[in-house]
């Protein structure tokens, strides 16, 4: 399972042409949840600087439709823009907490999404 994006995935994101807020859906599986919680606390501490908002944080209860998922927690984080996301993950402050993410995660899916309206 992956813990970091490939170059192709980063290129696809940057070339998506999306403007405006972007919500990052995190599907998380842990090897050390306490370490990851240190990372989450660090994100919470510096997130305002980048316009980051926590929209949802919760544990998976059960798979209702489809194959069982191996993820334990889902988090949805909103950034004001792709640029804000890239600035956040490229910052020195993020570099200072990334070790807890690496120490804590077994695997992750990170899915960039945009909000739709009924007309979309």
N, C-alpha and C. Protein backbone atom coordinates (compact mmCIF):
# COMPACT_ATOMS: atom_id res chain seq x y z
N UNK A 1 0.83 -1.19 0.00
CA UNK A 1 0.00 0.00 0.00
C UNK A 1 0.88 1.25 0.00
N UNK A 2 0.35 2.27 -0.57
CA UNK A 2 1.12 3.51 -0.75
C UNK A 2 1.03 4.43 0.46
N UNK A 3 2.10 5.17 0.67
CA UNK A 3 2.13 6.22 1.69
C UNK A 3 2.40 7.59 1.08
N UNK A 4 2.90 7.62 -0.15
CA UNK A 4 3.23 8.88 -0.81
C UNK A 4 2.76 8.85 -2.26
N UNK A 5 2.47 10.03 -2.82
CA UNK A 5 2.02 10.07 -4.21
C UNK A 5 3.18 9.80 -5.17
N UNK A 6 2.83 9.29 -6.33
CA UNK A 6 3.83 9.15 -7.39
C UNK A 6 3.96 10.50 -8.10
N UNK A 7 5.01 10.65 -8.87
CA UNK A 7 5.18 11.88 -9.66
C UNK A 7 4.01 12.06 -10.62
N UNK A 8 3.55 10.96 -11.21
CA UNK A 8 2.42 11.01 -12.13
C UNK A 8 1.15 11.51 -11.43
N UNK A 9 0.93 11.06 -10.21
CA UNK A 9 -0.24 11.51 -9.46
C UNK A 9 -0.16 13.00 -9.14
N UNK A 10 1.01 13.48 -8.78
CA UNK A 10 1.18 14.91 -8.51
C UNK A 10 0.93 15.71 -9.78
N UNK A 11 1.50 15.26 -10.89
CA UNK A 11 1.29 15.94 -12.17
C UNK A 11 -0.19 15.99 -12.55
N UNK A 12 -0.88 14.87 -12.39
CA UNK A 12 -2.32 14.82 -12.70
C UNK A 12 -3.10 15.82 -11.84
N UNK A 13 -2.75 15.90 -10.57
CA UNK A 13 -3.42 16.85 -9.68
C UNK A 13 -3.16 18.28 -10.13
N UNK A 14 -1.90 18.61 -10.39
CA UNK A 14 -1.55 19.98 -10.77
C UNK A 14 -2.11 20.36 -12.13
N UNK A 15 -2.27 19.39 -13.00
CA UNK A 15 -2.79 19.67 -14.35
C UNK A 15 -4.31 19.50 -14.44
N UNK A 16 -4.97 19.29 -13.31
CA UNK A 16 -6.41 19.06 -13.33
C UNK A 16 -7.20 20.30 -13.75
N UNK A 17 -6.59 21.48 -13.59
CA UNK A 17 -7.28 22.71 -13.95
C UNK A 17 -8.30 23.15 -12.91
N UNK A 18 -8.38 22.43 -11.80
CA UNK A 18 -9.36 22.79 -10.76
C UNK A 18 -8.98 24.11 -10.10
N UNK A 19 -9.97 24.96 -9.95
CA UNK A 19 -9.80 26.22 -9.22
C UNK A 19 -10.80 26.24 -8.08
N UNK A 20 -10.42 26.87 -6.99
CA UNK A 20 -11.31 26.96 -5.84
C UNK A 20 -10.99 25.91 -4.81
N UNK A 21 -11.84 25.81 -3.78
CA UNK A 21 -11.59 24.87 -2.69
C UNK A 21 -11.49 23.43 -3.17
N UNK A 22 -10.67 22.68 -2.46
CA UNK A 22 -10.51 21.26 -2.77
C UNK A 22 -10.54 20.48 -1.46
N UNK A 23 -11.33 19.42 -1.44
CA UNK A 23 -11.42 18.57 -0.25
C UNK A 23 -10.62 17.30 -0.49
N UNK A 24 -9.73 17.02 0.42
CA UNK A 24 -8.89 15.83 0.33
C UNK A 24 -9.48 14.76 1.26
N UNK A 25 -9.92 13.66 0.65
CA UNK A 25 -10.49 12.55 1.39
C UNK A 25 -9.36 11.58 1.71
N UNK A 26 -9.11 11.38 2.99
CA UNK A 26 -8.04 10.52 3.48
C UNK A 26 -8.63 9.22 4.01
N UNK A 27 -8.24 8.10 3.44
CA UNK A 27 -8.61 6.78 3.95
C UNK A 27 -7.36 6.23 4.62
N UNK A 28 -7.43 6.00 5.92
CA UNK A 28 -6.23 5.75 6.71
C UNK A 28 -6.24 4.39 7.39
N UNK A 29 -5.10 3.72 7.35
CA UNK A 29 -4.87 2.48 8.07
C UNK A 29 -3.58 2.67 8.88
N UNK A 30 -3.60 2.29 10.14
CA UNK A 30 -2.50 2.63 11.05
C UNK A 30 -1.65 1.43 11.43
N UNK A 31 -0.36 1.72 11.64
CA UNK A 31 0.51 0.77 12.32
C UNK A 31 0.80 1.29 13.73
N UNK A 32 0.65 2.61 13.93
CA UNK A 32 0.85 3.24 15.24
C UNK A 32 -0.05 4.48 15.30
N UNK A 33 -1.28 4.28 15.74
CA UNK A 33 -2.25 5.39 15.73
C UNK A 33 -1.81 6.54 16.63
N UNK A 34 -1.15 6.25 17.74
CA UNK A 34 -0.69 7.33 18.63
C UNK A 34 0.29 8.25 17.92
N UNK A 35 1.18 7.68 17.13
CA UNK A 35 2.12 8.51 16.36
C UNK A 35 1.35 9.37 15.37
N UNK A 36 0.37 8.77 14.69
CA UNK A 36 -0.41 9.54 13.73
C UNK A 36 -1.19 10.66 14.41
N UNK A 37 -1.66 10.42 15.62
CA UNK A 37 -2.38 11.47 16.35
C UNK A 37 -1.46 12.65 16.67
N UNK A 38 -0.17 12.40 16.85
CA UNK A 38 0.80 13.50 17.01
C UNK A 38 0.88 14.31 15.72
N UNK A 39 0.88 13.62 14.59
CA UNK A 39 0.87 14.28 13.29
C UNK A 39 -0.41 15.12 13.14
N UNK A 40 -1.55 14.53 13.47
CA UNK A 40 -2.83 15.23 13.36
C UNK A 40 -2.85 16.48 14.24
N UNK A 41 -2.29 16.39 15.44
CA UNK A 41 -2.21 17.55 16.33
C UNK A 41 -1.32 18.63 15.72
N UNK A 42 -0.24 18.22 15.08
CA UNK A 42 0.64 19.18 14.40
C UNK A 42 -0.05 19.86 13.24
N UNK A 43 -0.82 19.09 12.46
CA UNK A 43 -1.59 19.66 11.35
C UNK A 43 -2.59 20.68 11.89
N UNK A 44 -3.26 20.32 12.98
CA UNK A 44 -4.23 21.22 13.59
C UNK A 44 -3.57 22.54 14.02
N UNK A 45 -2.36 22.43 14.53
CA UNK A 45 -1.64 23.61 15.03
C UNK A 45 -1.24 24.57 13.90
N UNK A 46 -0.84 24.04 12.75
CA UNK A 46 -0.35 24.90 11.66
C UNK A 46 -1.36 25.10 10.54
N UNK A 47 -2.45 24.37 10.57
CA UNK A 47 -3.40 24.38 9.46
C UNK A 47 -4.02 25.73 9.14
N UNK A 48 -4.30 26.54 10.16
CA UNK A 48 -4.93 27.85 9.92
C UNK A 48 -4.10 28.73 9.00
N UNK A 49 -2.79 28.61 9.11
CA UNK A 49 -1.88 29.40 8.27
C UNK A 49 -2.11 29.17 6.78
N UNK A 50 -2.60 27.99 6.45
CA UNK A 50 -2.79 27.59 5.05
C UNK A 50 -4.26 27.53 4.66
N UNK A 51 -5.13 27.96 5.57
CA UNK A 51 -6.57 27.95 5.31
C UNK A 51 -7.20 26.57 5.39
N UNK A 52 -6.53 25.66 6.07
CA UNK A 52 -6.97 24.28 6.17
C UNK A 52 -8.16 24.15 7.13
N UNK A 53 -9.16 23.35 6.73
CA UNK A 53 -10.33 23.09 7.58
C UNK A 53 -10.56 21.59 7.66
N UNK A 54 -10.76 21.12 8.88
CA UNK A 54 -11.16 19.72 9.07
C UNK A 54 -12.67 19.65 8.89
N UNK A 55 -13.12 18.93 7.85
CA UNK A 55 -14.55 18.78 7.59
C UNK A 55 -15.12 17.54 8.27
N UNK A 56 -14.30 16.50 8.38
CA UNK A 56 -14.77 15.25 8.99
C UNK A 56 -13.59 14.43 9.46
N UNK A 57 -13.75 13.78 10.61
CA UNK A 57 -12.76 12.85 11.16
C UNK A 57 -13.56 11.76 11.86
N UNK A 58 -13.45 10.52 11.41
CA UNK A 58 -14.21 9.46 12.05
C UNK A 58 -13.67 8.09 11.76
N UNK A 59 -13.99 7.16 12.65
CA UNK A 59 -13.58 5.77 12.48
C UNK A 59 -14.59 5.01 11.64
N UNK A 60 -14.10 4.08 10.84
CA UNK A 60 -14.95 3.21 10.04
C UNK A 60 -15.67 2.26 11.00
N UNK A 61 -16.98 2.16 10.85
CA UNK A 61 -17.78 1.25 11.67
C UNK A 61 -17.95 -0.09 10.96
N UNK A 62 -18.35 -0.03 9.70
CA UNK A 62 -18.62 -1.25 8.95
C UNK A 62 -18.76 -0.91 7.47
N UNK A 63 -18.40 -1.85 6.63
CA UNK A 63 -18.68 -1.70 5.20
C UNK A 63 -20.10 -2.18 4.96
N UNK A 64 -20.92 -1.34 4.33
CA UNK A 64 -22.33 -1.67 4.12
C UNK A 64 -22.56 -2.19 2.70
N UNK A 65 -21.88 -1.61 1.72
CA UNK A 65 -21.98 -2.06 0.33
C UNK A 65 -20.56 -2.23 -0.20
N UNK A 66 -20.30 -3.31 -0.91
CA UNK A 66 -18.99 -3.52 -1.51
C UNK A 66 -18.10 -4.38 -0.64
N UNK A 67 -16.87 -4.52 -1.09
CA UNK A 67 -15.87 -5.31 -0.37
C UNK A 67 -15.51 -4.62 0.94
N UNK A 68 -15.13 -5.42 1.93
CA UNK A 68 -14.68 -4.85 3.20
C UNK A 68 -13.46 -3.97 2.95
N UNK A 69 -13.44 -2.83 3.62
CA UNK A 69 -12.29 -1.93 3.50
C UNK A 69 -11.31 -2.23 4.61
N UNK A 70 -10.06 -1.96 4.34
CA UNK A 70 -9.04 -2.21 5.35
C UNK A 70 -8.64 -0.93 6.07
N UNK A 71 -9.37 0.14 5.81
CA UNK A 71 -9.05 1.42 6.44
C UNK A 71 -9.79 1.55 7.76
N UNK A 72 -9.14 2.19 8.72
CA UNK A 72 -9.71 2.33 10.05
C UNK A 72 -10.36 3.69 10.28
N UNK A 73 -9.85 4.71 9.61
CA UNK A 73 -10.31 6.07 9.86
C UNK A 73 -10.43 6.82 8.54
N UNK A 74 -11.39 7.73 8.48
CA UNK A 74 -11.56 8.60 7.33
C UNK A 74 -11.48 10.04 7.82
N UNK A 75 -10.70 10.85 7.11
CA UNK A 75 -10.61 12.29 7.41
C UNK A 75 -10.81 13.05 6.11
N UNK A 76 -11.57 14.13 6.18
CA UNK A 76 -11.75 14.99 5.02
C UNK A 76 -11.26 16.38 5.41
N UNK A 77 -10.24 16.84 4.68
CA UNK A 77 -9.63 18.15 4.93
C UNK A 77 -9.89 19.04 3.73
N UNK A 78 -10.29 20.27 3.98
CA UNK A 78 -10.53 21.21 2.88
C UNK A 78 -9.43 22.26 2.85
N UNK A 79 -8.93 22.51 1.66
CA UNK A 79 -7.94 23.56 1.40
C UNK A 79 -8.61 24.60 0.51
N UNK A 80 -8.22 25.87 0.65
CA UNK A 80 -8.84 26.90 -0.19
C UNK A 80 -8.53 26.73 -1.68
N UNK A 81 -7.44 26.02 -1.99
CA UNK A 81 -7.03 25.83 -3.39
C UNK A 81 -5.97 24.74 -3.47
N UNK A 82 -5.71 24.29 -4.70
CA UNK A 82 -4.60 23.36 -4.90
C UNK A 82 -3.28 24.00 -4.50
N UNK A 83 -3.14 25.28 -4.79
CA UNK A 83 -1.92 25.99 -4.43
C UNK A 83 -1.71 25.96 -2.92
N UNK A 84 -2.78 26.18 -2.15
CA UNK A 84 -2.66 26.14 -0.69
C UNK A 84 -2.25 24.75 -0.22
N UNK A 85 -2.81 23.71 -0.84
CA UNK A 85 -2.43 22.34 -0.50
C UNK A 85 -0.94 22.12 -0.76
N UNK A 86 -0.48 22.53 -1.94
CA UNK A 86 0.93 22.34 -2.29
C UNK A 86 1.85 23.14 -1.38
N UNK A 87 1.45 24.36 -1.03
CA UNK A 87 2.24 25.17 -0.10
C UNK A 87 2.32 24.50 1.26
N UNK A 88 1.21 23.93 1.70
CA UNK A 88 1.17 23.25 3.00
C UNK A 88 2.13 22.07 3.03
N UNK A 89 2.01 21.17 2.05
CA UNK A 89 2.84 19.95 2.07
C UNK A 89 4.30 20.23 1.72
N UNK A 90 4.60 21.43 1.24
CA UNK A 90 5.98 21.81 0.91
C UNK A 90 6.62 22.68 1.98
N UNK A 91 5.88 22.98 3.03
CA UNK A 91 6.36 23.93 4.04
C UNK A 91 7.33 23.28 5.04
N UNK A 92 8.16 24.11 5.64
CA UNK A 92 9.09 23.64 6.67
C UNK A 92 8.33 23.15 7.90
N UNK A 93 7.21 23.80 8.20
CA UNK A 93 6.41 23.38 9.36
C UNK A 93 5.83 21.98 9.14
N UNK A 94 5.42 21.70 7.91
CA UNK A 94 4.93 20.35 7.58
C UNK A 94 6.08 19.35 7.69
N UNK A 95 7.25 19.72 7.18
CA UNK A 95 8.42 18.84 7.27
C UNK A 95 8.72 18.45 8.71
N UNK A 96 8.43 19.36 9.65
CA UNK A 96 8.72 19.10 11.06
C UNK A 96 7.80 18.04 11.67
N UNK A 97 6.64 17.80 11.07
CA UNK A 97 5.70 16.83 11.65
C UNK A 97 5.52 15.57 10.80
N UNK A 98 6.06 15.56 9.60
CA UNK A 98 5.84 14.45 8.67
C UNK A 98 6.33 13.11 9.24
N UNK A 99 7.33 13.14 10.11
CA UNK A 99 7.86 11.90 10.68
C UNK A 99 6.77 11.13 11.44
N UNK A 100 5.84 11.85 12.08
CA UNK A 100 4.77 11.19 12.82
C UNK A 100 3.76 10.53 11.87
N UNK A 101 3.56 11.13 10.72
CA UNK A 101 2.68 10.54 9.70
C UNK A 101 3.28 9.22 9.21
N UNK A 102 4.56 9.27 8.88
CA UNK A 102 5.26 8.08 8.37
C UNK A 102 5.30 6.98 9.42
N UNK A 103 5.57 7.37 10.66
CA UNK A 103 5.62 6.41 11.77
C UNK A 103 4.25 5.80 12.05
N UNK A 104 3.20 6.59 11.83
CA UNK A 104 1.86 6.15 12.21
C UNK A 104 1.10 5.35 11.17
N UNK A 105 1.33 5.63 9.89
CA UNK A 105 0.50 5.03 8.84
C UNK A 105 1.02 3.68 8.35
N UNK A 106 0.08 2.77 8.16
CA UNK A 106 0.34 1.52 7.46
C UNK A 106 0.10 1.75 5.97
N UNK A 107 -1.02 2.43 5.66
CA UNK A 107 -1.34 2.76 4.28
C UNK A 107 -2.35 3.90 4.25
N UNK A 108 -2.47 4.52 3.06
CA UNK A 108 -3.37 5.65 2.90
C UNK A 108 -3.80 5.76 1.45
N UNK A 109 -5.06 6.10 1.25
CA UNK A 109 -5.54 6.61 -0.03
C UNK A 109 -5.84 8.08 0.21
N UNK A 110 -5.41 8.94 -0.69
CA UNK A 110 -5.71 10.37 -0.62
C UNK A 110 -6.37 10.74 -1.94
N UNK A 111 -7.61 11.19 -1.85
CA UNK A 111 -8.42 11.45 -3.04
C UNK A 111 -8.81 12.93 -3.04
N UNK A 112 -8.40 13.65 -4.09
CA UNK A 112 -8.74 15.06 -4.23
C UNK A 112 -10.14 15.17 -4.83
N UNK A 113 -11.01 15.96 -4.18
CA UNK A 113 -12.39 16.10 -4.65
C UNK A 113 -12.79 17.56 -4.70
N UNK A 114 -13.79 17.84 -5.52
CA UNK A 114 -14.38 19.18 -5.56
C UNK A 114 -15.87 19.05 -5.31
N UNK A 115 -16.44 20.08 -4.72
CA UNK A 115 -17.86 20.06 -4.42
C UNK A 115 -18.67 20.24 -5.70
N UNK A 116 -19.77 19.53 -5.77
CA UNK A 116 -20.69 19.63 -6.90
C UNK A 116 -22.00 20.25 -6.42
N UNK A 117 -22.75 20.78 -7.36
CA UNK A 117 -24.10 21.25 -7.07
C UNK A 117 -25.08 20.32 -7.76
N UNK A 118 -26.36 20.50 -7.50
CA UNK A 118 -27.38 19.66 -8.13
C UNK A 118 -27.35 19.80 -9.65
N UNK A 119 -26.83 20.91 -10.16
CA UNK A 119 -26.75 21.15 -11.60
C UNK A 119 -25.59 20.40 -12.25
N UNK A 120 -24.62 19.97 -11.44
CA UNK A 120 -23.45 19.27 -11.98
C UNK A 120 -23.82 17.85 -12.23
